[in-house]
Amino acid sequence: MIECYLIVNGRSDGSANLSAVPNRGDIISLGDHKAPRYLVHRVEYLNNSDTVNLHVQKFANETSCCVAVNGYRNDNGFVKEL
């Protein structure tokens, strides 16, 4: 297990033990569907340490995360100018 510190807006939001280091764009879930979700923006490795800092965006729950990430990744819901 790899210890990862969650950084939200430059401040620590706790840590998580993950089986693998996530990549940019991955979503981290630490509990059930009502628990917060985290979208990874940047992965920061620390010198001479087994820990990793994950700069993330925090969402309140699974629903709010899915809506925001789907809107960000595809623009099907946006009107295109002709």
N, C-alpha and C. Protein backbone atom coordinates (compact mmCIF):
# COMPACT_ATOMS: atom_id res chain seq x y z
N MET A 1 0.83 -1.18 0.00
CA MET A 1 0.00 0.00 0.00
C MET A 1 0.88 1.25 0.00
N ILE A 2 0.42 2.24 -0.71
CA ILE A 2 1.15 3.49 -0.83
C ILE A 2 0.38 4.56 -0.10
N GLU A 3 1.07 5.29 0.78
CA GLU A 3 0.42 6.37 1.52
C GLU A 3 0.39 7.62 0.65
N CYS A 4 -0.81 8.14 0.42
CA CYS A 4 -1.00 9.32 -0.42
C CYS A 4 -1.68 10.41 0.41
N TYR A 5 -1.10 11.60 0.36
CA TYR A 5 -1.71 12.75 1.04
C TYR A 5 -2.56 13.50 0.03
N LEU A 6 -3.78 13.84 0.43
CA LEU A 6 -4.71 14.55 -0.43
C LEU A 6 -4.59 16.04 -0.18
N ILE A 7 -4.26 16.80 -1.20
CA ILE A 7 -4.07 18.24 -1.10
C ILE A 7 -5.19 18.93 -1.88
N VAL A 8 -6.02 19.71 -1.16
CA VAL A 8 -7.13 20.45 -1.77
C VAL A 8 -6.85 21.93 -1.59
N ASN A 9 -6.71 22.66 -2.70
CA ASN A 9 -6.42 24.11 -2.66
C ASN A 9 -5.21 24.44 -1.80
N GLY A 10 -4.17 23.64 -1.90
CA GLY A 10 -2.93 23.90 -1.18
C GLY A 10 -2.92 23.47 0.27
N ARG A 11 -4.00 22.85 0.75
CA ARG A 11 -4.07 22.42 2.14
C ARG A 11 -4.36 20.93 2.22
N SER A 12 -3.80 20.31 3.22
CA SER A 12 -3.98 18.87 3.41
C SER A 12 -5.42 18.55 3.79
N ASP A 13 -5.95 17.50 3.17
CA ASP A 13 -7.31 17.05 3.47
C ASP A 13 -7.28 15.61 3.95
N GLY A 14 -6.17 15.23 4.56
CA GLY A 14 -6.03 13.86 5.06
C GLY A 14 -5.16 13.01 4.17
N SER A 15 -5.17 11.73 4.47
CA SER A 15 -4.36 10.81 3.68
C SER A 15 -5.16 9.55 3.38
N ALA A 16 -4.65 8.78 2.44
CA ALA A 16 -5.29 7.53 2.05
C ALA A 16 -4.22 6.52 1.69
N ASN A 17 -4.45 5.28 2.04
CA ASN A 17 -3.56 4.19 1.64
C ASN A 17 -4.17 3.53 0.41
N LEU A 18 -3.49 3.68 -0.72
CA LEU A 18 -3.99 3.15 -1.99
C LEU A 18 -3.09 2.03 -2.49
N SER A 19 -3.65 1.13 -3.27
CA SER A 19 -2.87 -0.01 -3.77
C SER A 19 -1.92 0.41 -4.89
N ALA A 20 -2.24 1.49 -5.60
CA ALA A 20 -1.39 2.00 -6.68
C ALA A 20 -1.52 3.52 -6.72
N VAL A 21 -0.52 4.17 -7.27
CA VAL A 21 -0.56 5.62 -7.40
C VAL A 21 -1.49 5.97 -8.55
N PRO A 22 -2.50 6.79 -8.31
CA PRO A 22 -3.42 7.16 -9.40
C PRO A 22 -2.76 8.12 -10.39
N ASN A 23 -3.34 8.23 -11.55
CA ASN A 23 -2.86 9.14 -12.59
C ASN A 23 -3.73 10.39 -12.62
N ARG A 24 -3.25 11.39 -13.33
CA ARG A 24 -4.02 12.62 -13.52
C ARG A 24 -5.34 12.28 -14.22
N GLY A 25 -6.45 12.79 -13.69
CA GLY A 25 -7.76 12.52 -14.27
C GLY A 25 -8.49 11.37 -13.61
N ASP A 26 -7.82 10.61 -12.74
CA ASP A 26 -8.48 9.52 -12.04
C ASP A 26 -9.35 10.06 -10.92
N ILE A 27 -10.36 9.30 -10.56
CA ILE A 27 -11.25 9.65 -9.45
C ILE A 27 -10.97 8.69 -8.31
N ILE A 28 -10.79 9.26 -7.11
CA ILE A 28 -10.51 8.45 -5.92
C ILE A 28 -11.76 8.40 -5.06
N SER A 29 -12.14 7.21 -4.67
CA SER A 29 -13.27 6.99 -3.78
C SER A 29 -12.76 6.33 -2.51
N LEU A 30 -13.07 6.91 -1.36
CA LEU A 30 -12.57 6.37 -0.10
C LEU A 30 -13.66 5.73 0.76
N GLY A 31 -14.85 5.60 0.22
CA GLY A 31 -15.94 5.03 1.02
C GLY A 31 -17.13 4.69 0.17
N ASP A 32 -18.32 4.80 0.76
CA ASP A 32 -19.55 4.49 0.05
C ASP A 32 -19.94 5.63 -0.88
N HIS A 33 -21.13 5.53 -1.50
CA HIS A 33 -21.55 6.52 -2.48
C HIS A 33 -21.83 7.90 -1.88
N LYS A 34 -21.97 7.99 -0.57
CA LYS A 34 -22.21 9.28 0.09
C LYS A 34 -20.91 9.95 0.55
N ALA A 35 -19.80 9.24 0.47
CA ALA A 35 -18.50 9.78 0.90
C ALA A 35 -17.94 10.71 -0.17
N PRO A 36 -17.04 11.61 0.21
CA PRO A 36 -16.43 12.52 -0.78
C PRO A 36 -15.66 11.76 -1.86
N ARG A 37 -15.60 12.37 -3.05
CA ARG A 37 -14.81 11.86 -4.16
C ARG A 37 -13.76 12.91 -4.49
N TYR A 38 -12.65 12.45 -5.05
CA TYR A 38 -11.54 13.35 -5.38
C TYR A 38 -11.12 13.12 -6.83
N LEU A 39 -11.00 14.21 -7.58
CA LEU A 39 -10.49 14.16 -8.96
C LEU A 39 -9.04 14.59 -8.91
N VAL A 40 -8.13 13.73 -9.38
CA VAL A 40 -6.69 13.99 -9.31
C VAL A 40 -6.29 14.97 -10.41
N HIS A 41 -5.68 16.09 -9.98
CA HIS A 41 -5.18 17.09 -10.92
C HIS A 41 -3.67 16.95 -11.14
N ARG A 42 -2.94 16.58 -10.07
CA ARG A 42 -1.48 16.48 -10.18
C ARG A 42 -0.97 15.47 -9.17
N VAL A 43 0.05 14.71 -9.57
CA VAL A 43 0.71 13.74 -8.70
C VAL A 43 2.10 14.26 -8.40
N GLU A 44 2.44 14.38 -7.12
CA GLU A 44 3.73 14.93 -6.71
C GLU A 44 4.48 13.89 -5.87
N TYR A 45 5.62 13.44 -6.39
CA TYR A 45 6.44 12.48 -5.66
C TYR A 45 7.42 13.23 -4.77
N LEU A 46 7.66 12.71 -3.57
CA LEU A 46 8.58 13.34 -2.63
C LEU A 46 9.91 12.61 -2.65
N ASN A 47 11.02 13.36 -2.62
CA ASN A 47 12.35 12.76 -2.63
C ASN A 47 12.59 11.97 -1.35
N ASN A 48 13.20 10.80 -1.51
CA ASN A 48 13.58 9.94 -0.39
C ASN A 48 12.41 9.62 0.52
N SER A 49 11.24 9.40 -0.06
CA SER A 49 10.06 9.09 0.74
C SER A 49 9.16 8.14 -0.04
N ASP A 50 8.39 7.36 0.70
CA ASP A 50 7.45 6.44 0.07
C ASP A 50 6.05 7.04 -0.05
N THR A 51 5.91 8.31 0.31
CA THR A 51 4.61 8.95 0.24
C THR A 51 4.48 9.79 -1.03
N VAL A 52 3.24 10.05 -1.42
CA VAL A 52 2.94 10.81 -2.62
C VAL A 52 1.91 11.87 -2.26
N ASN A 53 2.09 13.08 -2.77
CA ASN A 53 1.08 14.13 -2.61
C ASN A 53 0.20 14.13 -3.85
N LEU A 54 -1.11 14.06 -3.62
CA LEU A 54 -2.07 14.12 -4.72
C LEU A 54 -2.82 15.43 -4.62
N HIS A 55 -2.64 16.29 -5.61
CA HIS A 55 -3.38 17.55 -5.65
C HIS A 55 -4.71 17.24 -6.33
N VAL A 56 -5.79 17.42 -5.58
CA VAL A 56 -7.10 16.94 -6.01
C VAL A 56 -8.16 18.03 -5.90
N GLN A 57 -9.27 17.78 -6.58
CA GLN A 57 -10.47 18.60 -6.44
C GLN A 57 -11.48 17.73 -5.70
N LYS A 58 -12.06 18.27 -4.62
CA LYS A 58 -12.97 17.50 -3.77
C LYS A 58 -14.42 17.73 -4.18
N PHE A 59 -15.18 16.64 -4.22
CA PHE A 59 -16.61 16.69 -4.49
C PHE A 59 -17.33 16.08 -3.30
N ALA A 60 -18.53 16.56 -3.03
CA ALA A 60 -19.27 16.15 -1.84
C ALA A 60 -19.65 14.66 -1.86
N ASN A 61 -20.02 14.15 -3.03
CA ASN A 61 -20.45 12.75 -3.11
C ASN A 61 -20.31 12.25 -4.55
N GLU A 62 -20.74 11.03 -4.77
CA GLU A 62 -20.60 10.39 -6.09
C GLU A 62 -21.41 11.12 -7.16
N THR A 63 -22.61 11.55 -6.83
CA THR A 63 -23.47 12.21 -7.82
C THR A 63 -22.87 13.53 -8.30
N SER A 64 -22.44 14.37 -7.37
CA SER A 64 -21.88 15.67 -7.77
C SER A 64 -20.59 15.49 -8.56
N CYS A 65 -19.83 14.47 -8.24
CA CYS A 65 -18.59 14.20 -8.97
C CYS A 65 -18.88 13.74 -10.39
N CYS A 66 -19.82 12.83 -10.55
CA CYS A 66 -20.15 12.30 -11.88
C CYS A 66 -20.67 13.41 -12.79
N VAL A 67 -21.54 14.26 -12.27
CA VAL A 67 -22.10 15.34 -13.08
C VAL A 67 -21.00 16.31 -13.51
N ALA A 68 -20.13 16.71 -12.60
CA ALA A 68 -19.07 17.66 -12.91
C ALA A 68 -18.04 17.08 -13.87
N VAL A 69 -17.61 15.85 -13.64
CA VAL A 69 -16.58 15.24 -14.46
C VAL A 69 -17.10 14.92 -15.85
N ASN A 70 -18.33 14.43 -15.97
CA ASN A 70 -18.90 14.15 -17.29
C ASN A 70 -19.04 15.43 -18.09
N GLY A 71 -19.44 16.52 -17.46
CA GLY A 71 -19.55 17.80 -18.14
C GLY A 71 -18.20 18.34 -18.56
N TYR A 72 -17.17 18.02 -17.79
CA TYR A 72 -15.83 18.51 -18.10
C TYR A 72 -15.19 17.69 -19.23
N ARG A 73 -15.39 16.39 -19.21
CA ARG A 73 -14.72 15.51 -20.18
C ARG A 73 -15.37 15.52 -21.55
N ASN A 74 -16.68 15.67 -21.62
CA ASN A 74 -17.33 15.73 -22.93
C ASN A 74 -18.27 16.93 -22.95
N ASP A 75 -18.38 17.54 -24.09
CA ASP A 75 -19.17 18.77 -24.19
C ASP A 75 -20.50 18.54 -24.90
N ASN A 76 -21.07 17.34 -24.80
CA ASN A 76 -22.32 17.03 -25.48
C ASN A 76 -23.46 17.90 -24.98
N GLY A 77 -23.40 18.35 -23.73
CA GLY A 77 -24.48 19.14 -23.17
C GLY A 77 -24.38 20.61 -23.50
N PHE A 78 -23.32 21.04 -24.15
CA PHE A 78 -23.13 22.45 -24.45
C PHE A 78 -23.58 22.75 -25.88
N VAL A 79 -24.19 23.91 -26.07
CA VAL A 79 -24.64 24.33 -27.40
C VAL A 79 -23.44 24.86 -28.17
N LYS A 80 -23.30 24.39 -29.40
CA LYS A 80 -22.19 24.84 -30.24
C LYS A 80 -22.64 25.98 -31.13
N GLU A 81 -21.78 26.94 -31.28
CA GLU A 81 -22.07 28.08 -32.15
C GLU A 81 -21.98 27.65 -33.61
N LEU A 82 -22.89 28.11 -34.41
CA LEU A 82 -22.86 27.77 -35.85
C LEU A 82 -22.17 28.84 -36.63
